[in-house]
Amino acid sequence: MTYRSGFLPQPVVRFTGQRDASGDLRPGFLTSFVNVSRVQPIQHMDEYGGILDGWFSVLSRLGFHARHISVHGTLTTWKRRQVEGITLRFHHLDLPVGDIVLLWNADNPARLAVDLGTGLERLAWARTRLGWRDLVFGRFASLAPPPTLDAVRTATLLLAHGIRPASRGAGGITRRVIATVDPGVARLGVSSLVRASYRYWRLFGELKAPWPAVAAAIEEELGA
């Protein structure tokens, strides 16, 4: 069953970002980011190539020259439970900027779909070549440690969608994120950073909680 198709901007919280020897996220990785996907069922293999070609046209309109785009991968099939597929990754010069997955039902290979995805922040990074922290955190980049900036940004997304701190379940994720905020840095409050993050997340959908409630929830959890 297809629930949605086409280009979909989806805010994501993920703890699998690559980290350096000190445990900090490497440039290009965030705990929360916007995944821009094109998810679409297809009938024929030619559509797969057509979607990839269409994505190259999108990248061109964004200022990425085709000669700087490369595609890497293997045609070896992977399998996850009832789904099989292949994954190809594309780079702009030295930076990976997304992937395109062809997947099908293992018991009925005629049921095909394409999932093309890229991180919006990573795409902006490749396009502008700005410093990663400056690109993502703007004027706050030098005012707090990266883990605190990343945590407040992520907590804002979770709390703004109504996921309050709790001992288990989704609320446990919110509590885990807030726990990485440096209490000393946040002693004067987090409202400015919350407002900036809130403005960003509001671009991609309606939020349930107002920003003052988000800031208050973070400060309350830190106090607790």
Protein backbone atom coordinates (compact mmCIF):
# COMPACT_ATOMS: atom_id res chain seq x y z
CA MET A 1 0.00 0.00 0.00
CA THR A 2 1.33 3.44 -0.94
CA TYR A 3 0.63 6.08 1.72
CA ARG A 4 2.54 9.00 0.16
CA SER A 5 4.72 9.48 -2.92
CA GLY A 6 6.80 12.19 -4.57
CA PHE A 7 9.39 14.45 -2.93
CA LEU A 8 8.86 14.43 0.85
CA PRO A 9 10.78 16.58 3.36
CA GLN A 10 10.89 14.59 6.60
CA PRO A 11 12.58 15.75 9.83
CA VAL A 12 14.45 12.77 11.26
CA VAL A 13 16.10 11.94 14.60
CA ARG A 14 18.85 9.36 14.22
CA PHE A 15 21.71 8.31 16.51
CA THR A 16 23.81 6.58 13.85
CA GLY A 17 25.89 9.58 12.74
CA GLN A 18 29.64 8.98 12.45
CA ARG A 19 31.72 10.23 15.39
CA ASP A 20 35.37 11.13 15.89
CA ALA A 21 37.74 9.73 18.51
CA SER A 22 36.39 12.11 21.17
CA GLY A 23 32.80 11.01 20.55
CA ASP A 24 31.67 14.19 18.77
CA LEU A 25 29.71 13.97 15.52
CA ARG A 26 31.88 14.34 12.43
CA PRO A 27 31.21 17.18 9.98
CA GLY A 28 28.23 16.30 7.80
CA PHE A 29 26.36 14.45 10.58
CA LEU A 30 23.62 15.58 12.98
CA THR A 31 21.30 13.84 15.40
CA SER A 32 18.35 15.64 13.78
CA PHE A 33 18.15 16.64 10.13
CA VAL A 34 15.75 16.94 7.22
CA ASN A 35 15.70 13.94 4.90
CA VAL A 36 14.37 14.86 1.46
CA SER A 37 13.11 11.70 -0.22
CA ARG A 38 11.40 10.76 -3.42
CA VAL A 39 9.49 7.59 -2.66
CA GLN A 40 7.57 6.11 -5.56
CA PRO A 41 6.28 2.74 -6.77
CA ILE A 42 7.35 1.93 -10.34
CA GLN A 43 6.27 -0.58 -12.96
CA HIS A 44 9.42 -0.91 -15.10
CA MET A 45 13.17 -0.63 -14.66
CA ASP A 46 13.30 2.26 -17.13
CA GLU A 47 11.50 4.39 -14.56
CA TYR A 48 14.37 3.85 -12.13
CA GLY A 49 16.84 5.40 -14.57
CA GLY A 50 14.40 8.18 -15.37
CA ILE A 51 14.05 9.12 -11.69
CA LEU A 52 17.84 9.22 -11.28
CA ASP A 53 18.12 11.39 -14.39
CA GLY A 54 15.43 13.69 -13.02
CA TRP A 55 17.38 14.05 -9.77
CA PHE A 56 20.46 15.10 -11.73
CA SER A 57 18.30 17.81 -13.32
CA VAL A 58 17.23 18.99 -9.85
CA LEU A 59 20.86 19.10 -8.71
CA SER A 60 21.78 21.06 -11.83
CA ARG A 61 19.12 23.69 -11.08
CA LEU A 62 20.55 23.98 -7.57
CA GLY A 63 23.98 24.80 -9.01
CA PHE A 64 25.68 21.39 -9.01
CA HIS A 65 27.48 20.83 -12.33
CA ALA A 66 26.91 17.34 -13.74
CA ARG A 67 30.63 16.74 -14.24
CA HIS A 68 31.11 17.01 -10.46
CA ILE A 69 28.44 14.38 -9.70
CA SER A 70 29.49 10.74 -9.44
CA VAL A 71 27.54 7.59 -8.59
CA HIS A 72 29.07 4.77 -6.54
CA GLY A 73 27.79 1.37 -5.56
CA THR A 74 27.38 -2.25 -6.50
CA LEU A 75 24.65 -4.26 -8.17
CA THR A 76 24.94 -6.90 -5.44
CA THR A 77 21.48 -7.46 -3.99
CA TRP A 78 20.83 -7.02 -0.26
CA LYS A 79 17.91 -8.62 1.59
CA ARG A 80 16.01 -7.50 4.70
CA ARG A 81 13.18 -9.82 5.65
CA GLN A 82 10.66 -9.71 2.77
CA VAL A 83 12.43 -6.92 0.85
CA GLU A 84 15.38 -7.08 -1.55
CA GLY A 85 17.17 -4.26 -3.32
CA ILE A 86 20.28 -2.46 -4.51
CA THR A 87 21.68 0.87 -3.32
CA LEU A 88 23.68 3.43 -5.29
CA ARG A 89 25.23 6.51 -3.61
CA PHE A 90 25.99 9.81 -5.28
CA HIS A 91 28.71 12.34 -4.45
CA HIS A 92 29.37 15.96 -5.33
CA LEU A 93 33.15 16.13 -5.68
CA ASP A 94 34.40 14.66 -2.38
CA LEU A 95 31.12 14.85 -0.41
CA PRO A 96 28.45 12.12 -0.33
CA VAL A 97 25.06 13.80 -0.78
CA GLY A 98 22.53 10.98 -0.95
CA ASP A 99 21.52 7.62 -2.35
CA ILE A 100 18.94 5.94 -4.55
CA VAL A 101 17.50 2.56 -3.63
CA LEU A 102 15.69 0.16 -5.94
CA LEU A 103 13.68 -2.29 -3.84
CA TRP A 104 11.20 -5.06 -4.52
CA ASN A 105 9.11 -7.68 -2.75
CA ALA A 106 11.23 -10.85 -2.49
CA ASP A 107 8.19 -13.08 -3.18
CA ASN A 108 6.84 -10.86 -5.96
CA PRO A 109 9.69 -9.02 -7.76
CA ALA A 110 7.19 -7.24 -10.00
CA ARG A 111 6.33 -5.02 -7.03
CA LEU A 112 9.04 -2.38 -7.43
CA ALA A 113 9.69 0.95 -5.75
CA VAL A 114 12.34 3.65 -5.70
CA ASP A 115 13.52 5.52 -2.60
CA LEU A 116 15.83 8.43 -3.42
CA GLY A 117 17.06 10.37 -0.41
CA THR A 118 19.40 13.15 0.62
CA GLY A 119 19.95 15.22 3.74
CA LEU A 120 18.90 18.82 3.17
CA GLU A 121 21.65 20.19 5.43
CA ARG A 122 24.29 18.05 3.72
CA LEU A 123 23.05 19.22 0.33
CA ALA A 124 23.39 22.85 1.45
CA TRP A 125 26.88 22.04 2.74
CA ALA A 126 27.95 20.63 -0.62
CA ARG A 127 26.45 23.61 -2.45
CA THR A 128 27.90 26.38 -0.29
CA ARG A 129 31.11 24.74 1.04
CA LEU A 130 30.67 26.70 4.26
CA GLY A 131 32.05 25.36 7.53
CA TRP A 132 29.66 22.68 8.80
CA ARG A 133 29.04 24.24 12.23
CA ASP A 134 28.54 27.71 10.76
CA LEU A 135 26.11 26.36 8.18
CA VAL A 136 23.96 24.44 10.68
CA PHE A 137 24.15 26.60 13.81
CA GLY A 138 24.77 30.06 12.35
CA ARG A 139 25.55 32.74 14.93
CA PHE A 140 25.47 30.17 17.74
CA ALA A 141 28.28 28.05 16.26
CA SER A 142 31.01 29.48 18.52
CA LEU A 143 28.85 30.10 21.61
CA ALA A 144 28.46 26.52 22.88
CA PRO A 145 30.03 23.07 22.39
CA PRO A 146 28.75 21.18 19.32
CA PRO A 147 27.08 18.41 21.40
CA THR A 148 24.99 21.04 23.23
CA LEU A 149 24.01 22.81 20.01
CA ASP A 150 23.04 19.49 18.43
CA ALA A 151 21.09 18.41 21.52
CA VAL A 152 19.05 21.61 21.83
CA ARG A 153 18.27 21.51 18.11
CA THR A 154 17.09 17.88 18.42
CA ALA A 155 15.19 18.42 21.67
CA THR A 156 13.37 21.34 20.05
CA LEU A 157 12.18 19.08 17.24
CA LEU A 158 10.98 16.37 19.63
CA LEU A 159 9.30 18.67 22.15
CA ALA A 160 7.68 20.79 19.45
CA HIS A 161 6.00 17.61 18.22
CA GLY A 162 4.69 16.86 21.70
CA ILE A 163 7.26 14.23 22.73
CA ARG A 164 7.97 15.22 26.32
CA PRO A 165 10.70 13.68 28.51
CA ALA A 166 9.74 10.35 30.06
CA SER A 167 11.43 7.31 31.54
CA ARG A 168 10.66 5.07 28.57
CA GLY A 169 9.35 5.04 25.00
CA ALA A 170 9.67 8.04 22.72
CA GLY A 171 9.88 10.33 25.74
CA GLY A 172 12.99 8.43 26.80
CA ILE A 173 14.67 9.60 23.61
CA THR A 174 13.85 13.22 24.48
CA ARG A 175 15.30 12.73 27.97
CA ARG A 176 18.42 11.10 26.53
CA VAL A 177 18.96 14.02 24.15
CA ILE A 178 18.49 16.72 26.79
CA ALA A 179 20.91 14.90 29.09
CA THR A 180 23.75 15.76 26.67
CA VAL A 181 23.18 19.52 27.04
CA ASP A 182 25.96 21.14 29.06
CA PRO A 183 24.13 22.49 32.17
CA GLY A 184 26.77 25.17 32.67
CA VAL A 185 26.32 26.54 29.16
CA ALA A 186 22.52 26.44 29.52
CA ARG A 187 22.49 28.14 32.92
CA LEU A 188 21.38 31.46 31.39
CA GLY A 189 18.63 29.74 29.40
CA VAL A 190 18.22 28.13 26.00
CA SER A 191 15.43 30.29 24.57
CA SER A 192 17.50 31.99 21.85
CA LEU A 193 18.79 28.72 20.44
CA VAL A 194 15.36 27.13 20.78
CA ARG A 195 13.76 29.98 18.83
CA ALA A 196 16.28 29.60 16.00
CA SER A 197 15.78 25.84 15.85
CA TYR A 198 12.02 26.22 16.11
CA ARG A 199 11.94 28.56 13.10
CA TYR A 200 13.83 25.98 11.08
CA TRP A 201 11.66 22.98 12.00
CA ARG A 202 8.49 25.00 11.40
CA LEU A 203 9.43 25.19 7.70
CA PHE A 204 8.66 21.48 7.32
CA GLY A 205 5.34 21.07 9.05
CA GLU A 206 2.99 22.26 11.76
CA LEU A 207 4.35 22.05 15.30
CA LYS A 208 2.18 21.15 18.29
CA ALA A 209 3.90 23.07 21.10
CA PRO A 210 4.90 26.78 21.04
CA TRP A 211 8.58 27.63 21.41
CA PRO A 212 8.28 29.06 24.98
CA ALA A 213 6.91 25.71 26.16
CA VAL A 214 9.78 23.93 24.42
CA ALA A 215 12.41 26.13 26.08
CA ALA A 216 10.72 25.74 29.47
CA ALA A 217 10.62 21.94 29.13
CA ILE A 218 14.34 21.77 28.33
CA GLU A 219 15.27 24.05 31.24
CA GLU A 220 12.98 22.14 33.60
CA GLU A 221 14.56 18.83 32.61
CA LEU A 222 18.06 20.24 33.08
CA GLY A 223 17.07 21.54 36.49
CA ALA A 224 15.66 18.18 37.45
